[in-house]
Amino acid sequence: MTLIRKPLILVGALLGLLVQGAHAEVDADVAKAIKTRLQSANPKASYGEVRESPIDGLYEIEVDGTTTLYVSKDGSHFVYGDLFQVKSGELVNLSEQRRAGKRARVMESLDTDDMIVFPAKGKKKAHVYVFTDVDCGYCRKLHQDVPELNKRGIEVRYLAFPRGGLNSLGYRKIATAWCADDPNKTLTALKNRENVPLKVCNDNPVAEQYKLGNEVIDVRGTPTIVMQDGTVVPGYVPPATMAKALGI
C-alpha cells in the first residue's frame, strides 16, 4: 500500500486558515492585550487568533489548538467551558458545533490512501471515519456490521488507534494490517482473532493516526466514530442507527 501522508503540522496549518475569516476582525490593541495577559500567566501555552464571541464584551481565543477560552477585553478574566445558546425549546452547544466543524475539516483534509477503506456497495451515500483497535470487543462487533453498512451505501474509513499505545502488542498487530499487501483482508483476519504473522513496516501511518486521535479528535476509547459533520460518536452503533444519523 502506497503511503502518501500529510504531516499533522500541515493539518494544523490548514485548520488555522479555515478558521480565519469566520469572525469580524478584532481591534489589534484588544487582541494584543488579551494575548499578553494570558501569556504572562502561562507562557508555555500556544495561543491562536483572538475572535469576537457571540456574547458582547467577551472574546474567543484558542489555547494549544483545542481549548477555547472566553476572555474579557483586557484579558484579566476568562471563562473555561462550553458556550450554549438558549433557543425556544432547546439549548444549542455552540462550542461543540465549532469543534465538530473543525474536526470535519481536518478529517476531510486527510488522504484516504493512509486509511483502510471498505467502500460502499453501489452508490456511495455517505462515509464515516472509525478509529479502531483490533483487540476491543465492540471494534469487532462494528467490523462484523461493515458489510451491512456498505450495503446501505456507507463507506467505512478506518484509522488506527492502538489502545495500549505505540509500544504495545496492539500497535504491532494493527500496524501489520496497514503494512500488509491486502490491508482489508488482514485487518478482518486480525479482528477475527486469526493467527496472522506480525510484520511492522517502517513507513506505516499508525503513529500519526494515533496522535491525531489523541490530540485533535480526543479519542477516549475504541471504536470512536467521526461522522461527516465532525460529530464524534464513542462506541458501537448499529447499522440502522448509523444510517438514520447519516440521513440515509
Protein backbone atom coordinates (compact mmCIF):
# COMPACT_ATOMS: atom_id res chain seq x y z
CA MET A 1 0.00 0.00 0.00
CA THR A 2 1.44 3.36 -1.01
CA LEU A 3 1.53 5.83 1.84
CA ILE A 4 1.23 9.50 0.95
CA ARG A 5 0.82 11.19 4.30
CA LYS A 6 0.07 14.77 5.17
CA PRO A 7 2.00 15.60 8.35
CA LEU A 8 -0.18 16.72 11.24
CA ILE A 9 1.59 20.07 11.34
CA LEU A 10 0.19 20.77 7.87
CA VAL A 11 -3.25 19.74 9.02
CA GLY A 12 -2.95 22.24 11.86
CA ALA A 13 -1.89 24.98 9.48
CA LEU A 14 -4.82 24.20 7.19
CA LEU A 15 -7.15 24.28 10.15
CA GLY A 16 -5.92 27.71 11.13
CA LEU A 17 -6.56 29.04 7.65
CA LEU A 18 -10.05 27.56 7.59
CA VAL A 19 -10.97 29.21 10.87
CA GLN A 20 -9.71 32.63 9.84
CA GLY A 21 -12.26 34.92 8.33
CA ALA A 22 -15.21 33.40 10.14
CA HIS A 23 -15.45 36.37 12.53
CA ALA A 24 -15.18 40.14 12.35
CA GLU A 25 -11.63 41.35 12.81
CA VAL A 26 -10.79 42.25 16.41
CA ASP A 27 -9.06 45.55 17.22
CA ALA A 28 -5.31 44.90 17.22
CA ASP A 29 -4.80 46.57 20.62
CA VAL A 30 -7.51 44.43 22.20
CA ALA A 31 -6.08 41.24 20.71
CA LYS A 32 -2.59 42.18 21.91
CA ALA A 33 -3.81 42.98 25.43
CA ILE A 34 -5.60 39.63 25.70
CA LYS A 35 -2.67 37.60 24.43
CA THR A 36 -0.13 39.48 26.54
CA ARG A 37 -2.13 38.96 29.71
CA LEU A 38 -2.67 35.26 29.09
CA GLN A 39 0.95 34.69 28.08
CA SER A 40 2.15 36.36 31.27
CA ALA A 41 0.23 33.78 33.28
CA ASN A 42 1.02 30.75 31.12
CA PRO A 43 3.88 31.39 28.70
CA LYS A 44 4.21 27.71 27.76
CA ALA A 45 0.81 27.56 26.07
CA SER A 46 0.22 28.26 22.39
CA TYR A 47 -2.41 30.94 21.69
CA GLY A 48 -4.39 31.31 18.49
CA GLU A 49 -6.26 34.17 16.90
CA VAL A 50 -8.43 36.41 19.09
CA ARG A 51 -12.01 36.49 17.76
CA GLU A 52 -15.27 38.11 18.75
CA SER A 53 -17.61 35.77 20.61
CA PRO A 54 -21.43 35.67 20.42
CA ILE A 55 -21.51 37.42 23.82
CA ASP A 56 -20.90 41.17 23.84
CA GLY A 57 -17.75 42.07 25.75
CA LEU A 58 -16.19 38.60 25.56
CA TYR A 59 -13.64 37.38 23.05
CA GLU A 60 -12.66 33.89 21.97
CA ILE A 61 -9.14 32.55 21.83
CA GLU A 62 -7.91 29.01 21.27
CA VAL A 63 -5.23 27.57 23.53
CA ASP A 64 -2.99 24.76 22.28
CA GLY A 65 -5.26 24.30 19.28
CA THR A 66 -8.02 22.50 21.17
CA THR A 67 -9.37 24.58 24.07
CA THR A 68 -11.42 27.76 23.62
CA LEU A 69 -11.41 30.45 26.30
CA TYR A 70 -13.94 33.29 26.51
CA VAL A 71 -11.91 36.27 27.67
CA SER A 72 -12.65 39.78 28.92
CA LYS A 73 -11.48 42.76 26.85
CA ASP A 74 -8.37 43.35 28.98
CA GLY A 75 -7.55 39.65 29.33
CA SER A 76 -7.86 39.76 33.12
CA HIS A 77 -10.68 37.21 33.33
CA PHE A 78 -11.80 34.26 31.25
CA VAL A 79 -14.47 31.58 31.23
CA TYR A 80 -13.43 27.99 30.58
CA GLY A 81 -16.14 25.68 29.29
CA ASP A 82 -18.74 25.29 26.56
CA LEU A 83 -20.84 28.20 25.35
CA PHE A 84 -24.55 27.49 24.90
CA GLN A 85 -27.20 29.44 23.02
CA VAL A 86 -30.69 29.43 24.52
CA LYS A 87 -33.39 28.89 21.90
CA SER A 88 -37.07 28.20 22.23
CA GLY A 89 -37.36 24.60 23.35
CA GLU A 90 -33.67 23.76 23.12
CA LEU A 91 -30.12 24.55 24.18
CA VAL A 92 -27.51 24.70 21.41
CA ASN A 93 -23.90 23.94 22.28
CA LEU A 94 -22.07 26.49 20.14
CA SER A 95 -18.67 25.30 21.33
CA GLU A 96 -19.35 21.73 20.24
CA GLN A 97 -20.68 22.98 16.90
CA ARG A 98 -17.37 24.77 16.35
CA ARG A 99 -15.36 21.71 17.40
CA ALA A 100 -17.39 19.46 15.11
CA GLY A 101 -16.85 21.77 12.16
CA LYS A 102 -13.12 21.78 12.77
CA ARG A 103 -12.98 18.01 13.12
CA ALA A 104 -14.87 17.59 9.86
CA ARG A 105 -12.44 19.86 8.02
CA VAL A 106 -9.42 18.05 9.48
CA MET A 107 -10.76 14.61 8.60
CA GLU A 108 -11.68 15.64 5.05
CA SER A 109 -8.16 17.03 4.56
CA LEU A 110 -6.56 13.63 5.22
CA ASP A 111 -5.52 11.25 2.47
CA THR A 112 -7.70 8.15 2.30
CA ASP A 113 -4.69 6.25 0.93
CA ASP A 114 -3.45 6.18 4.52
CA MET A 115 -6.69 4.61 5.75
CA ILE A 116 -8.10 1.11 5.35
CA VAL A 117 -11.28 1.78 3.43
CA PHE A 118 -14.25 -0.55 2.99
CA PRO A 119 -16.16 1.07 0.12
CA ALA A 120 -19.91 1.25 -0.26
CA LYS A 121 -21.64 -1.27 -2.48
CA GLY A 122 -23.19 0.51 -5.43
CA LYS A 123 -23.75 4.24 -5.00
CA LYS A 124 -21.94 5.80 -2.05
CA LYS A 125 -24.38 7.77 0.07
CA ALA A 126 -22.13 8.69 2.98
CA HIS A 127 -18.89 7.85 4.75
CA VAL A 128 -17.71 7.60 8.33
CA TYR A 129 -14.28 7.55 9.95
CA VAL A 130 -13.62 4.93 12.60
CA PHE A 131 -10.66 4.97 14.99
CA THR A 132 -10.18 1.28 15.72
CA ASP A 133 -8.15 -1.28 17.61
CA VAL A 134 -8.00 -4.98 16.69
CA ASP A 135 -8.49 -6.34 20.20
CA CYS A 136 -11.56 -4.49 21.55
CA GLY A 137 -14.85 -6.40 21.51
CA TYR A 138 -17.00 -3.58 20.21
CA CYS A 139 -14.49 -2.90 17.41
CA ARG A 140 -15.02 -6.49 16.32
CA LYS A 141 -18.78 -6.13 16.61
CA LEU A 142 -18.73 -2.98 14.48
CA HIS A 143 -16.49 -4.67 11.93
CA GLN A 144 -18.99 -7.51 11.58
CA ASP A 145 -21.51 -4.84 10.55
CA VAL A 146 -19.29 -3.35 7.85
CA PRO A 147 -20.82 -5.45 5.02
CA GLU A 148 -24.28 -4.23 6.08
CA LEU A 149 -23.07 -0.63 6.28
CA ASN A 150 -21.51 -0.96 2.82
CA LYS A 151 -24.75 -2.44 1.52
CA ARG A 152 -26.58 0.63 2.81
CA GLY A 153 -24.22 2.87 0.83
CA ILE A 154 -21.95 3.82 3.74
CA GLU A 155 -18.19 3.78 3.19
CA VAL A 156 -16.16 2.90 6.29
CA ARG A 157 -12.77 4.59 6.58
CA TYR A 158 -10.59 3.06 9.31
CA LEU A 159 -7.84 4.86 11.18
CA ALA A 160 -5.58 3.09 13.66
CA PHE A 161 -5.78 3.68 17.39
CA PRO A 162 -3.93 1.00 19.39
CA ARG A 163 -5.39 1.38 22.87
CA GLY A 164 -2.21 0.24 24.60
CA GLY A 165 -0.10 2.91 22.92
CA LEU A 166 2.72 2.79 20.42
CA ASN A 167 4.90 0.38 22.41
CA SER A 168 2.18 -2.25 22.80
CA LEU A 169 1.47 -5.58 21.15
CA GLY A 170 -1.74 -3.96 19.92
CA TYR A 171 0.35 -1.47 17.94
CA ARG A 172 2.28 -4.28 16.26
CA LYS A 173 -0.94 -6.07 15.40
CA ILE A 174 -2.72 -3.11 13.86
CA ALA A 175 0.43 -1.88 12.10
CA THR A 176 0.62 -5.33 10.49
CA ALA A 177 -2.72 -4.63 8.81
CA TRP A 178 -1.56 -1.28 7.48
CA CYS A 179 1.68 -2.86 6.20
CA ALA A 180 0.03 -5.85 4.52
CA ASP A 181 -0.33 -6.38 0.79
CA ASP A 182 -4.07 -6.71 1.39
CA PRO A 183 -4.85 -4.40 4.34
CA ASN A 184 -8.62 -5.02 4.27
CA LYS A 185 -8.25 -8.80 4.41
CA THR A 186 -5.55 -8.63 7.08
CA LEU A 187 -7.50 -6.24 9.29
CA THR A 188 -10.51 -8.53 9.08
CA ALA A 189 -8.39 -11.56 9.94
CA LEU A 190 -6.89 -9.80 12.98
CA LYS A 191 -10.32 -8.73 14.21
CA ASN A 192 -11.48 -12.33 13.78
CA ARG A 193 -8.60 -13.46 16.05
CA GLU A 194 -6.94 -15.40 13.28
CA ASN A 195 -3.24 -16.22 13.60
CA VAL A 196 -1.60 -13.52 11.47
CA PRO A 197 2.23 -13.25 11.41
CA LEU A 198 3.16 -9.79 12.70
CA LYS A 199 5.09 -7.58 10.31
CA VAL A 200 5.63 -3.88 11.02
CA CYS A 201 6.93 -1.74 8.18
CA ASN A 202 8.83 1.49 8.81
CA ASP A 203 6.56 3.80 6.83
CA ASN A 204 3.20 2.89 8.37
CA PRO A 205 0.87 5.77 9.43
CA VAL A 206 -0.30 4.27 12.74
CA ALA A 207 1.69 6.66 14.95
CA GLU A 208 0.36 9.71 13.10
CA GLN A 209 -3.22 8.47 13.29
CA TYR A 210 -2.83 7.67 16.99
CA LYS A 211 -1.53 11.20 17.57
CA LEU A 212 -4.41 12.65 15.55
CA GLY A 213 -6.89 10.69 17.64
CA ASN A 214 -5.35 11.84 20.91
CA GLU A 215 -4.59 15.48 20.13
CA VAL A 216 -7.25 16.56 17.65
CA ILE A 217 -10.24 14.22 17.84
CA ASP A 218 -9.93 13.45 21.57
CA VAL A 219 -10.43 9.72 21.18
CA ARG A 220 -11.05 8.18 24.60
CA GLY A 221 -11.80 4.63 23.59
CA THR A 222 -12.44 2.40 20.63
CA PRO A 223 -14.27 2.34 18.41
CA THR A 224 -14.67 6.09 18.03
CA ILE A 225 -16.75 7.12 15.02
CA VAL A 226 -16.40 10.53 13.40
CA MET A 227 -19.39 11.40 11.25
CA GLN A 228 -19.16 13.53 8.11
CA ASP A 229 -20.22 16.66 10.00
CA GLY A 230 -17.49 16.12 12.60
CA THR A 231 -19.77 14.74 15.30
CA VAL A 232 -17.95 12.20 17.46
CA VAL A 233 -19.84 9.05 18.44
CA PRO A 234 -17.99 6.92 21.02
CA GLY A 235 -18.61 3.20 20.98
CA TYR A 236 -20.64 0.79 18.89
CA VAL A 237 -23.57 1.98 16.76
CA PRO A 238 -25.92 -0.48 14.97
CA PRO A 239 -26.19 -0.11 11.17
CA ALA A 240 -29.78 1.14 11.21
CA THR A 241 -28.95 3.81 13.78
CA MET A 242 -25.87 4.83 11.82
CA ALA A 243 -27.81 5.12 8.60
CA LYS A 244 -30.50 7.23 10.25
CA ALA A 245 -27.89 9.56 11.76
CA LEU A 246 -26.38 9.99 8.29
CA GLY A 247 -29.76 10.78 6.76
CA ILE A 248 -29.99 7.54 4.81
